[in-house]
C-alpha atoms as a PDB file:
ATOM      1  CA  UNK A   1     -56.708  -2.004 -40.229  1.00  0.00           C
ATOM      2  CA  UNK A   2     -53.322  -3.538 -40.012  1.00  0.00           C
ATOM      3  CA  UNK A   3     -51.586  -3.730 -36.623  1.00  0.00           C
ATOM      4  CA  UNK A   4     -47.846  -3.518 -36.954  1.00  0.00           C
ATOM      5  CA  UNK A   5     -45.451  -4.533 -34.199  1.00  0.00           C
ATOM      6  CA  UNK A   6     -41.750  -3.955 -34.631  1.00  0.00           C
ATOM      7  CA  UNK A   7     -39.766  -1.736 -36.910  1.00  0.00           C
ATOM      8  CA  UNK A   8     -41.453  -0.078 -39.852  1.00  0.00           C
ATOM      9  CA  UNK A   9     -40.500  -1.166 -43.281  1.00  0.00           C
ATOM     10  CA  UNK A  10     -37.278   0.389 -44.327  1.00  0.00           C
ATOM     11  CA  UNK A  11     -36.323   1.247 -40.720  1.00  0.00           C
ATOM     12  CA  UNK A  12     -34.013  -0.689 -38.469  1.00  0.00           C
ATOM     13  CA  UNK A  13     -35.011  -1.452 -34.873  1.00  0.00           C
ATOM     14  CA  UNK A  14     -31.541  -0.562 -33.686  1.00  0.00           C
ATOM     15  CA  UNK A  15     -29.073   1.776 -35.286  1.00  0.00           C
ATOM     16  CA  UNK A  16     -26.331   0.026 -37.135  1.00  0.00           C
ATOM     17  CA  UNK A  17     -22.903   0.974 -35.789  1.00  0.00           C
ATOM     18  CA  UNK A  18     -19.712  -0.257 -37.283  1.00  0.00           C
ATOM     19  CA  UNK A  19     -16.274   0.049 -35.818  1.00  0.00           C
ATOM     20  CA  UNK A  20     -13.486  -0.753 -38.143  1.00  0.00           C
ATOM     21  CA  UNK A  21     -11.204  -3.570 -37.005  1.00  0.00           C
ATOM     22  CA  UNK A  22      -8.288  -1.139 -37.125  1.00  0.00           C
ATOM     23  CA  UNK A  23      -9.970   1.296 -34.696  1.00  0.00           C
ATOM     24  CA  UNK A  24     -11.021  -1.553 -32.394  1.00  0.00           C
ATOM     25  CA  UNK A  25      -7.482  -2.983 -32.396  1.00  0.00           C
ATOM     26  CA  UNK A  26      -6.017   0.453 -31.699  1.00  0.00           C
ATOM     27  CA  UNK A  27      -8.394   1.043 -28.784  1.00  0.00           C
ATOM     28  CA  UNK A  28      -7.609  -2.374 -27.309  1.00  0.00           C
ATOM     29  CA  UNK A  29      -3.866  -1.817 -27.701  1.00  0.00           C
ATOM     30  CA  UNK A  30      -4.188   1.593 -26.014  1.00  0.00           C
ATOM     31  CA  UNK A  31      -6.008   0.063 -23.039  1.00  0.00           C
ATOM     32  CA  UNK A  32      -3.370  -2.662 -22.685  1.00  0.00           C
ATOM     33  CA  UNK A  33      -0.516  -0.125 -22.843  1.00  0.00           C
ATOM     34  CA  UNK A  34      -2.188   2.132 -20.278  1.00  0.00           C
ATOM     35  CA  UNK A  35      -2.866  -0.777 -17.904  1.00  0.00           C
ATOM     36  CA  UNK A  36       0.741  -1.951 -18.275  1.00  0.00           C
ATOM     37  CA  UNK A  37       2.134   1.506 -17.522  1.00  0.00           C
ATOM     38  CA  UNK A  38      -0.099   1.910 -14.473  1.00  0.00           C
ATOM     39  CA  UNK A  39       0.958  -1.543 -13.250  1.00  0.00           C
ATOM     40  CA  UNK A  40       4.640  -0.708 -13.665  1.00  0.00           C
ATOM     41  CA  UNK A  41       4.247   2.575 -11.762  1.00  0.00           C
ATOM     42  CA  UNK A  42       2.369   0.809  -8.950  1.00  0.00           C
ATOM     43  CA  UNK A  43       4.990  -1.934  -8.782  1.00  0.00           C
ATOM     44  CA  UNK A  44       7.848   0.576  -8.679  1.00  0.00           C
ATOM     45  CA  UNK A  45       6.249   2.462  -5.785  1.00  0.00           C
ATOM     46  CA  UNK A  46       5.027  -0.552  -3.812  1.00  0.00           C
ATOM     47  CA  UNK A  47       7.304  -1.490  -0.921  1.00  0.00           C
ATOM     48  CA  UNK A  48       9.475   1.617  -1.218  1.00  0.00           C
ATOM     49  CA  UNK A  49      10.590   3.556   1.836  1.00  0.00           C
ATOM     50  CA  UNK A  50       9.211   7.079   1.889  1.00  0.00           C
ATOM     51  CA  UNK A  51      10.402   9.830   4.175  1.00  0.00           C
ATOM     52  CA  UNK A  52       7.811  10.924   6.727  1.00  0.00           C
ATOM     53  CA  UNK A  53       8.133  13.634   9.319  1.00  0.00           C
ATOM     54  CA  UNK A  54       5.166  12.712  11.383  1.00  0.00           C
ATOM     55  CA  UNK A  55       3.641  12.960  14.736  1.00  0.00           C
ATOM     56  CA  UNK A  56       4.621  11.187  17.921  1.00  0.00           C
ATOM     57  CA  UNK A  57       2.884   7.816  18.301  1.00  0.00           C
ATOM     58  CA  UNK A  58       2.525   5.821  21.497  1.00  0.00           C
ATOM     59  CA  UNK A  59       1.798   2.090  21.815  1.00  0.00           C
ATOM     60  CA  UNK A  60      -1.453   2.839  23.659  1.00  0.00           C
ATOM     61  CA  UNK A  61      -2.717   4.784  20.609  1.00  0.00           C
ATOM     62  CA  UNK A  62      -2.264   1.574  18.634  1.00  0.00           C
ATOM     63  CA  UNK A  63      -4.019  -0.581  21.211  1.00  0.00           C
ATOM     64  CA  UNK A  64      -0.685  -2.121  22.260  1.00  0.00           C
ATOM     65  CA  UNK A  65       0.816  -2.653  25.686  1.00  0.00           C
ATOM     66  CA  UNK A  66       4.410  -1.965  26.565  1.00  0.00           C
ATOM     67  CA  UNK A  67       6.863   0.510  25.208  1.00  0.00           C
ATOM     68  CA  UNK A  68       8.541   1.488  21.997  1.00  0.00           C
ATOM     69  CA  UNK A  69      11.961   0.261  20.984  1.00  0.00           C
ATOM     70  CA  UNK A  70      14.882   2.043  22.632  1.00  0.00           C
ATOM     71  CA  UNK A  71      16.347   2.851  19.184  1.00  0.00           C
ATOM     72  CA  UNK A  72      13.481   2.396  16.689  1.00  0.00           C
ATOM     73  CA  UNK A  73      10.068   0.751  16.272  1.00  0.00           C
ATOM     74  CA  UNK A  74       8.391  -0.892  13.298  1.00  0.00           C
ATOM     75  CA  UNK A  75       4.615  -0.443  13.355  1.00  0.00           C
ATOM     76  CA  UNK A  76       3.102  -2.897  10.884  1.00  0.00           C
ATOM     77  CA  UNK A  77      -0.541  -2.467   9.919  1.00  0.00           C
ATOM     78  CA  UNK A  78      -1.992  -5.782   8.717  1.00  0.00           C
ATOM     79  CA  UNK A  79      -5.309  -7.476   8.156  1.00  0.00           C
ATOM     80  CA  UNK A  80      -6.381 -11.005   8.890  1.00  0.00           C
ATOM     81  CA  UNK A  81      -6.429 -12.247   5.295  1.00  0.00           C
ATOM     82  CA  UNK A  82      -3.446 -10.328   3.912  1.00  0.00           C
ATOM     83  CA  UNK A  83      -0.942 -12.752   2.343  1.00  0.00           C
ATOM     84  CA  UNK A  84       2.008 -10.290   2.005  1.00  0.00           C
ATOM     85  CA  UNK A  85       1.492  -9.300   5.658  1.00  0.00           C
ATOM     86  CA  UNK A  86       2.831 -12.663   6.849  1.00  0.00           C
ATOM     87  CA  UNK A  87       6.100 -12.280   4.925  1.00  0.00           C
ATOM     88  CA  UNK A  88       6.367  -8.670   6.114  1.00  0.00           C
ATOM     89  CA  UNK A  89       5.859  -9.829   9.714  1.00  0.00           C
ATOM     90  CA  UNK A  90       8.701 -12.348   9.357  1.00  0.00           C
ATOM     91  CA  UNK A  91      11.041  -9.729   7.844  1.00  0.00           C
ATOM     92  CA  UNK A  92      10.310  -7.031  10.435  1.00  0.00           C
ATOM     93  CA  UNK A  93      10.526  -9.498  13.331  1.00  0.00           C
ATOM     94  CA  UNK A  94      13.825 -10.841  12.004  1.00  0.00           C
ATOM     95  CA  UNK A  95      15.357  -7.364  11.714  1.00  0.00           C
ATOM     96  CA  UNK A  96      14.067  -6.408  15.173  1.00  0.00           C
ATOM     97  CA  UNK A  97      15.335  -9.648  16.754  1.00  0.00           C
ATOM     98  CA  UNK A  98      18.832  -9.181  15.285  1.00  0.00           C
ATOM     99  CA  UNK A  99      19.157  -5.544  16.390  1.00  0.00           C
ATOM    100  CA  UNK A 100      19.098  -4.461  20.015  1.00  0.00           C
ATOM    101  CA  UNK A 101      16.647  -1.678  20.787  1.00  0.00           C
ATOM    102  CA  UNK A 102      14.387  -2.236  17.792  1.00  0.00           C
ATOM    103  CA  UNK A 103      10.815  -3.370  18.423  1.00  0.00           C
ATOM    104  CA  UNK A 104       8.178  -4.677  16.032  1.00  0.00           C
ATOM    105  CA  UNK A 105       4.483  -3.991  16.702  1.00  0.00           C
ATOM    106  CA  UNK A 106       1.930  -5.720  14.464  1.00  0.00           C
ATOM    107  CA  UNK A 107      -1.444  -3.948  14.508  1.00  0.00           C
ATOM    108  CA  UNK A 108      -4.395  -5.888  13.054  1.00  0.00           C
ATOM    109  CA  UNK A 109      -6.726  -3.463  11.288  1.00  0.00           C
ATOM    110  CA  UNK A 110      -9.391  -6.061  10.510  1.00  0.00           C
ATOM    111  CA  UNK A 111     -11.704  -4.602  13.160  1.00  0.00           C
ATOM    112  CA  UNK A 112      -9.949  -1.246  13.638  1.00  0.00           C
ATOM    113  CA  UNK A 113     -11.183   0.996  10.845  1.00  0.00           C
ATOM    114  CA  UNK A 114     -10.559   3.957  13.154  1.00  0.00           C
ATOM    115  CA  UNK A 115      -6.805   3.279  13.121  1.00  0.00           C
ATOM    116  CA  UNK A 116      -6.770   2.761   9.356  1.00  0.00           C
ATOM    117  CA  UNK A 117      -8.396   6.174   8.934  1.00  0.00           C
ATOM    118  CA  UNK A 118      -6.207   7.904  11.531  1.00  0.00           C
ATOM    119  CA  UNK A 119      -2.956   6.676   9.996  1.00  0.00           C
ATOM    120  CA  UNK A 120      -4.223   6.879   6.394  1.00  0.00           C
ATOM    121  CA  UNK A 121      -3.615   3.190   5.704  1.00  0.00           C
ATOM    122  CA  UNK A 122      -4.857   2.501   2.176  1.00  0.00           C
ATOM    123  CA  UNK A 123      -3.288  -0.928   1.769  1.00  0.00           C
ATOM    124  CA  UNK A 124      -1.843  -3.663   3.912  1.00  0.00           C
ATOM    125  CA  UNK A 125       0.815  -4.201   4.830  1.00  0.00           C
ATOM    126  CA  UNK A 126       1.762  -0.637   5.637  1.00  0.00           C
ATOM    127  CA  UNK A 127       4.752  -0.110   7.908  1.00  0.00           C
ATOM    128  CA  UNK A 128       5.711   2.990   9.857  1.00  0.00           C
ATOM    129  CA  UNK A 129       9.242   3.343  11.197  1.00  0.00           C
ATOM    130  CA  UNK A 130       9.394   5.377  14.390  1.00  0.00           C
ATOM    131  CA  UNK A 131      12.529   6.805  15.965  1.00  0.00           C
ATOM    132  CA  UNK A 132      13.407   6.283  19.636  1.00  0.00           C
ATOM    133  CA  UNK A 133      11.036   9.106  20.596  1.00  0.00           C
ATOM    134  CA  UNK A 134       8.083   7.536  18.774  1.00  0.00           C
ATOM    135  CA  UNK A 135       8.104  10.050  15.936  1.00  0.00           C
ATOM    136  CA  UNK A 136       7.262   8.657  12.517  1.00  0.00           C
ATOM    137  CA  UNK A 137      10.313   9.002  10.269  1.00  0.00           C
ATOM    138  CA  UNK A 138       9.472   6.654   7.389  1.00  0.00           C
ATOM    139  CA  UNK A 139       6.509   4.897   5.806  1.00  0.00           C
ATOM    140  CA  UNK A 140       6.338   1.850   3.552  1.00  0.00           C
ATOM    141  CA  UNK A 141       3.162   0.973   1.640  1.00  0.00           C
ATOM    142  CA  UNK A 142       3.226  -2.675   0.623  1.00  0.00           C
ATOM    143  CA  UNK A 143       5.726  -5.399   1.441  1.00  0.00           C
ATOM    144  CA  UNK A 144       9.066  -3.751   2.318  1.00  0.00           C
ATOM    145  CA  UNK A 145      12.228  -4.434   0.387  1.00  0.00           C
ATOM    146  CA  UNK A 146      14.733  -5.810   2.895  1.00  0.00           C
ATOM    147  CA  UNK A 147      17.760  -3.749   1.818  1.00  0.00           C
ATOM    148  CA  UNK A 148      15.798  -0.474   1.797  1.00  0.00           C
ATOM    149  CA  UNK A 149      14.210  -1.294   5.164  1.00  0.00           C
ATOM    150  CA  UNK A 150      17.585  -1.967   6.805  1.00  0.00           C
ATOM    151  CA  UNK A 151      19.143   1.154   5.270  1.00  0.00           C
ATOM    152  CA  UNK A 152      16.218   3.288   6.472  1.00  0.00           C
ATOM    153  CA  UNK A 153      16.263   1.965  10.033  1.00  0.00           C
ATOM    154  CA  UNK A 154      20.036   2.438  10.205  1.00  0.00           C
ATOM    155  CA  UNK A 155      19.645   6.077   9.143  1.00  0.00           C
ATOM    156  CA  UNK A 156      16.898   6.613  11.722  1.00  0.00           C
ATOM    157  CA  UNK A 157      18.968   5.018  14.501  1.00  0.00           C
ATOM    158  CA  UNK A 158      21.872   7.300  13.544  1.00  0.00           C
ATOM    159  CA  UNK A 159      19.557  10.313  13.756  1.00  0.00           C
ATOM    160  CA  UNK A 160      19.701  11.001  10.028  1.00  0.00           C
ATOM    161  CA  UNK A 161      16.793  11.861   7.751  1.00  0.00           C
ATOM    162  CA  UNK A 162      15.447   9.052   5.585  1.00  0.00           C
ATOM    163  CA  UNK A 163      15.545   9.786   1.868  1.00  0.00           C
ATOM    164  CA  UNK A 164      12.517   8.643  -0.125  1.00  0.00           C
ATOM    165  CA  UNK A 165      13.493   5.861  -2.488  1.00  0.00           C
END
């Protein structure tokens, strides 16, 4: 009696599959094109000011002391190891320092998952722009673009509605 281990004669252990080089190249090209398009869409939306008619927010809800800005408030959500958050902090602080009545609050979400969930923060930095009453009027996901940020805060201070960019 002969003991046979492995594939039987005339049978392959594994099915033989062939993909033509043309099909493989086409699939790879399709993946690259799709990834590029998704990257371009993400880049175009990142850092853009979006209109937001939101709820009233108080500093105590954010774990902050003090009051809101007399004209507007930037609420920046950051995390400890977020590189773009540092540049965003400098930009928001600079705009707030040069404009009377505008305050910048930087909220570290590293240990505050509850705030991230409450304000639907999916990436850092995320910035909310509040009017003088503490009502959210605009939202920026990602590092803000300086010109759009300044235009949005000027509209909010003037009592106008922010247009999504």
